[in-house]
Protein backbone atom coordinates (compact mmCIF):
# COMPACT_ATOMS: atom_id res chain seq x y z
CA UNK A 1 208.68 120.09 172.41
CA UNK A 2 209.14 116.41 172.97
CA UNK A 3 207.14 115.59 169.78
CA UNK A 4 209.34 117.69 167.78
CA UNK A 5 212.44 115.95 169.13
CA UNK A 6 211.01 112.59 168.47
CA UNK A 7 210.09 113.40 164.84
CA UNK A 8 213.59 114.96 164.39
CA UNK A 9 215.18 111.86 165.78
CA UNK A 10 213.00 109.34 163.44
CA UNK A 11 214.24 111.40 160.41
CA UNK A 12 217.79 111.01 161.34
CA UNK A 13 217.33 107.27 162.01
CA UNK A 14 215.68 106.78 158.68
CA UNK A 15 218.54 108.53 156.77
CA UNK A 16 221.19 106.31 158.62
CA UNK A 17 219.32 102.89 157.92
CA UNK A 18 219.60 101.51 154.26
CA UNK A 19 217.51 98.72 152.64
CA UNK A 20 219.11 95.53 151.35
CA UNK A 21 218.64 96.52 147.89
CA UNK A 22 220.27 99.79 148.57
CA UNK A 23 223.14 97.97 150.12
CA UNK A 24 223.46 95.83 147.27
CA UNK A 25 223.25 98.68 144.70
CA UNK A 26 225.96 100.45 146.84
CA UNK A 27 228.05 97.28 146.96
CA UNK A 28 227.98 96.77 143.20
CA UNK A 29 228.95 100.27 142.62
CA UNK A 30 231.84 100.15 144.95
CA UNK A 31 233.00 96.43 144.04
CA UNK A 32 232.25 95.55 140.41
CA UNK A 33 232.79 91.85 139.42
CA UNK A 34 233.54 89.89 136.36
CA UNK A 35 230.10 88.06 136.61
CA UNK A 36 228.25 89.05 133.48
CA UNK A 37 224.70 90.57 134.18
CA UNK A 38 221.76 88.58 133.28
CA UNK A 39 221.22 90.49 130.01
CA UNK A 40 224.70 89.92 128.73
CA UNK A 41 224.91 86.86 126.44
CA UNK A 42 227.91 84.79 127.33
CA UNK A 43 230.77 84.71 124.84
CA UNK A 44 231.19 81.18 123.26
CA UNK A 45 234.58 79.62 123.99
CA UNK A 46 235.92 78.91 120.48
CA UNK A 47 236.06 75.26 120.00
CA UNK A 48 239.15 73.79 118.44
CA UNK A 49 238.95 73.25 114.71
CA UNK A 50 238.82 69.71 113.82
CA UNK A 51 241.68 68.79 111.51
CA UNK A 52 240.42 66.27 109.00
CA UNK A 53 242.69 63.45 108.76
CA UNK A 54 242.57 62.03 105.30
CA UNK A 55 242.97 58.35 104.70
CA UNK A 56 246.18 57.92 102.91
CA UNK A 57 245.70 56.76 99.29
CA UNK A 58 248.06 54.26 97.83
CA UNK A 59 250.80 55.91 95.92
CA UNK A 60 250.27 54.49 92.32
CA UNK A 61 253.23 52.61 91.39
CA UNK A 62 254.60 53.52 88.25
CA UNK A 63 253.54 51.16 85.63
CA UNK A 64 256.27 48.98 83.97
CA UNK A 65 257.26 50.48 81.00
CA UNK A 66 256.90 47.87 78.39
CA UNK A 67 260.23 46.80 76.80
CA UNK A 68 259.69 47.45 72.99
CA UNK A 69 262.00 45.12 70.94
CA UNK A 70 263.17 47.38 68.08
CA UNK A 71 262.58 46.11 64.58
CA UNK A 72 265.85 44.54 63.44
CA UNK A 73 267.70 46.48 61.02
CA UNK A 74 267.99 44.90 57.57
CA UNK A 75 271.71 44.17 56.57
CA UNK A 76 273.03 46.29 53.78
CA UNK A 77 269.98 48.58 53.88
CA UNK A 78 271.23 50.37 50.82
CA UNK A 79 270.95 47.41 48.72
CA UNK A 80 267.40 46.95 49.66
CA UNK A 81 266.59 50.80 49.42
CA UNK A 82 267.51 50.69 45.65
CA UNK A 83 264.96 48.10 44.70
CA UNK A 84 262.00 48.33 47.28
CA UNK A 85 259.93 51.24 48.41
CA UNK A 86 259.39 51.44 52.23
CA UNK A 87 260.25 48.07 53.29
CA UNK A 88 259.16 47.12 56.88
CA UNK A 89 260.17 44.02 58.87
CA UNK A 90 257.33 41.75 60.25
CA UNK A 91 259.11 38.71 61.23
CA UNK A 92 263.07 38.03 62.20
CA UNK A 93 264.74 34.70 62.94
CA UNK A 94 268.41 34.58 63.75
CA UNK A 95 268.16 30.82 64.98
CA UNK A 96 270.05 31.61 67.96
CA UNK A 97 267.63 29.46 70.04
CA UNK A 98 268.18 26.59 67.73
CA UNK A 99 264.22 26.61 67.42
CA UNK A 100 262.68 25.83 64.01
CA UNK A 101 259.05 26.01 65.12
CA UNK A 102 258.18 28.39 62.36
CA UNK A 103 259.47 25.91 59.69
CA UNK A 104 258.67 22.62 58.13
CA UNK A 105 262.00 20.75 57.27
CA UNK A 106 263.46 17.38 56.56
CA UNK A 107 264.23 15.55 59.80
CA UNK A 108 267.92 14.73 60.13
CA UNK A 109 269.14 16.69 57.23
CA UNK A 110 268.11 20.20 58.43
CA UNK A 111 269.69 21.46 61.60
CA UNK A 112 269.79 24.53 63.59
CA UNK A 113 273.02 25.20 65.79
CA UNK A 114 275.52 27.97 66.38
CA UNK A 115 273.08 30.66 65.21
CA UNK A 116 272.33 29.32 61.68
CA UNK A 117 270.47 26.38 59.86
CA UNK A 118 272.54 23.92 58.05
CA UNK A 119 270.77 22.25 55.21
CA UNK A 120 272.53 18.96 53.74
CA UNK A 121 271.46 18.16 50.25
CA UNK A 122 270.06 14.78 49.05
CA UNK A 123 269.65 13.59 45.57
CA UNK A 124 266.50 13.95 43.78
CA UNK A 125 265.85 17.26 45.82
CA UNK A 126 265.02 15.43 48.83
CA UNK A 127 266.07 17.87 51.38
CA UNK A 128 263.82 21.03 51.97
CA UNK A 129 263.14 23.76 54.69
CA UNK A 130 259.86 25.71 54.11
CA UNK A 131 258.40 28.70 56.07
CA UNK A 132 255.01 27.88 57.81
CA UNK A 133 253.60 31.13 57.06
CA UNK A 134 252.57 32.42 53.60
CA UNK A 135 254.03 35.24 51.51
CA UNK A 136 251.34 37.75 50.34
CA UNK A 137 251.76 39.91 47.50
CA UNK A 138 253.58 43.03 48.35
CA UNK A 139 255.92 40.79 50.62
CA UNK A 140 259.19 39.29 50.32
CA UNK A 141 262.16 37.74 52.17
CA UNK A 142 265.67 38.58 52.93
CA UNK A 143 268.46 36.44 54.48
CA UNK A 144 272.15 35.50 54.44
CA UNK A 145 273.33 32.23 53.05
CA UNK A 146 276.56 30.44 51.95
CA UNK A 147 277.15 27.03 50.35
CA UNK A 148 280.07 24.38 50.10
CA UNK A 149 281.63 23.24 46.99
CA UNK A 150 279.54 21.20 44.60
CA UNK A 151 276.26 22.44 46.16
CA UNK A 152 273.21 22.36 44.08
CA UNK A 153 270.13 24.16 45.61
CA UNK A 154 267.16 26.49 45.00
CA UNK A 155 265.42 29.26 46.85
CA UNK A 156 261.81 29.70 45.66
CA UNK A 157 258.28 31.05 46.03
CA UNK A 158 255.60 28.47 45.06
CA UNK A 159 251.87 27.84 44.97
CA UNK A 160 249.68 24.95 44.02
CA UNK A 161 250.49 21.24 43.41
CA UNK A 162 253.38 19.91 41.53
CA UNK A 163 252.51 18.94 37.88
CA UNK A 164 248.93 20.57 38.24
CA UNK A 165 247.73 23.28 36.16
CA UNK A 166 247.51 25.70 39.07
CA UNK A 167 251.16 25.15 39.91
CA UNK A 168 253.38 28.43 39.81
CA UNK A 169 257.07 28.70 40.91
CA UNK A 170 259.50 31.59 40.95
CA UNK A 171 262.91 30.37 41.99
CA UNK A 172 266.47 31.23 42.13
CA UNK A 173 269.37 28.87 41.60
CA UNK A 174 271.69 30.91 43.87
CA UNK A 175 275.06 29.29 43.35
CA UNK A 176 278.24 30.55 41.64
CA UNK A 177 276.11 31.62 38.45
CA UNK A 178 272.67 32.79 39.95
CA UNK A 179 269.69 32.30 37.55
CA UNK A 180 265.87 32.15 37.89
CA UNK A 181 263.69 29.28 37.59
CA UNK A 182 259.94 29.76 36.59
CA UNK A 183 257.34 27.24 36.34
CA UNK A 184 253.72 27.65 35.11
CA UNK A 185 251.50 24.40 35.54
CA UNK A 186 253.41 21.45 33.92
CA UNK A 187 255.66 23.77 32.04
CA UNK A 188 258.94 25.04 32.99
CA UNK A 189 259.88 27.83 30.67
CA UNK A 190 263.25 28.26 32.33
CA UNK A 191 264.87 31.14 33.68
CA UNK A 192 267.32 33.87 33.19
CA UNK A 193 270.76 34.73 34.49
CA UNK A 194 271.02 37.61 36.88
CA UNK A 195 272.93 40.42 35.93
CA UNK A 196 275.28 42.82 37.73
CA UNK A 197 278.64 42.57 39.39
CA UNK A 198 279.11 40.10 42.19
CA UNK A 199 281.83 37.50 42.70
CA UNK A 200 279.69 34.43 44.22
CA UNK A 201 282.18 32.25 45.92
CA UNK A 202 281.78 29.12 47.91
CA UNK A 203 281.88 29.40 51.73
CA UNK A 204 281.17 33.30 51.68
CA UNK A 205 278.06 34.72 53.10
CA UNK A 206 275.83 36.46 50.63
CA UNK A 207 272.42 38.35 51.09
CA UNK A 208 269.48 37.30 48.92
CA UNK A 209 266.18 39.30 48.52
CA UNK A 210 263.08 37.84 46.87
CA UNK A 211 259.95 39.81 46.54
CA UNK A 212 256.61 39.52 44.77
CA UNK A 213 254.35 42.49 44.19
CA UNK A 214 250.65 42.83 43.57
CA UNK A 215 250.94 42.85 39.82
CA UNK A 216 252.92 39.39 39.28
CA UNK A 217 256.30 41.08 39.21
CA UNK A 218 259.23 39.32 41.10
CA UNK A 219 262.54 40.46 42.26
CA UNK A 220 265.69 38.26 42.86
CA UNK A 221 268.58 40.19 44.13
CA UNK A 222 271.82 38.84 45.57
CA UNK A 223 274.46 41.11 47.21
CA UNK A 224 277.66 41.28 49.22
CA UNK A 225 276.68 42.03 52.73
CA UNK A 226 280.18 43.74 53.20
CA UNK A 227 280.11 45.68 50.02
CA UNK A 228 276.71 46.98 48.92
CA UNK A 229 278.02 48.00 45.42
CA UNK A 230 278.45 44.35 44.62
CA UNK A 231 275.35 42.75 43.60
CA UNK A 232 273.33 40.79 40.84
CA UNK A 233 269.59 41.11 40.35
CA UNK A 234 266.75 40.31 38.01
CA UNK A 235 263.13 41.56 37.86
CA UNK A 236 260.77 39.52 36.12
CA UNK A 237 257.33 40.72 35.03
CA UNK A 238 255.25 37.42 35.00
CA UNK A 239 251.75 39.04 34.91
CA UNK A 240 248.36 37.79 35.28
CA UNK A 241 248.96 34.12 35.62
CA UNK A 242 251.04 34.95 38.74
CA UNK A 243 248.68 37.37 40.48
CA UNK A 244 246.35 36.90 43.40
CA UNK A 245 248.26 34.21 45.01
CA UNK A 246 249.63 33.37 48.31
CA UNK A 247 253.11 31.75 48.29
CA UNK A 248 255.06 29.36 50.15
CA UNK A 249 258.78 30.04 50.65
CA UNK A 250 261.23 27.07 50.36
CA UNK A 251 264.86 26.11 50.37
CA UNK A 252 265.55 23.05 48.41
CA UNK A 253 268.91 21.18 48.11
CA UNK A 254 270.08 18.48 45.92
CA UNK A 255 273.75 17.96 47.07
CA UNK A 256 276.23 19.80 49.16
CA UNK A 257 275.75 21.89 52.39
CA UNK A 258 273.91 25.26 52.60
CA UNK A 259 273.76 27.65 55.64
CA UNK A 260 270.96 30.18 56.20
CA UNK A 261 271.08 32.94 58.78
CA UNK A 262 269.27 36.29 59.81
CA UNK A 263 266.05 35.70 57.98
CA UNK A 264 263.62 38.76 57.51
CA UNK A 265 260.12 38.52 56.25
CA UNK A 266 259.15 41.95 54.91
CA UNK A 267 256.48 44.08 53.37
CA UNK A 268 256.90 46.89 50.94
CA UNK A 269 254.95 49.44 48.80
CA UNK A 270 256.22 48.69 45.56
CA UNK A 271 259.20 47.38 43.35
CA UNK A 272 261.43 50.05 41.98
């Protein structure tokens, strides 16, 4: 009987005593924690995204817009358009800076002041003003001029040496009765009177155009800058003996006072 009670007591005690692992399992069941199990991969805490700081580039400065000096407008363009096809300005001198660096001239008798050039004539045609650059075929000059009483003067294109066989000149005596002056070698066959309607008066501004094309043809045109319908002109066909040259442009004065202003050097396609 005692043995039976002893066995029964052992069974009861065994039922009441729990192993540590059983206690842990019971505790886990009753009190879950936030600690992840060993088999659960830890969640990565997102790292802050790096904001790339760009090195600031220099803001390009706007380039300076070049100041383009517009080609000067030729005075009394309608006069020119009636005689030249597509004239273009290549050089302009209004003499405002009193600078004659583009010219050869007689010292003391040619002066630049107040925006014009004054040319004082001297006997034996001893006063001159000449453009340093050459006038090519298909080129010409346009400028204003005026003259005093008893002035004797000439505007001309010229090549070669005076009194040599190669000498050529196409000139204009541009006084009150304008006429051309032509030379070939040692011979001066003379010239012709310009025709048209123009009252050339002393101390009055006039506009002179002189041009040479590629075929030995020349134009002399004198007009009133204030009235394009008033002009005189002459076109001379001088042909082979005048072709293929580069020309000097000059003003020569024998007496009186001549003023020149607003000088244009031009090119053109052809004479009309």
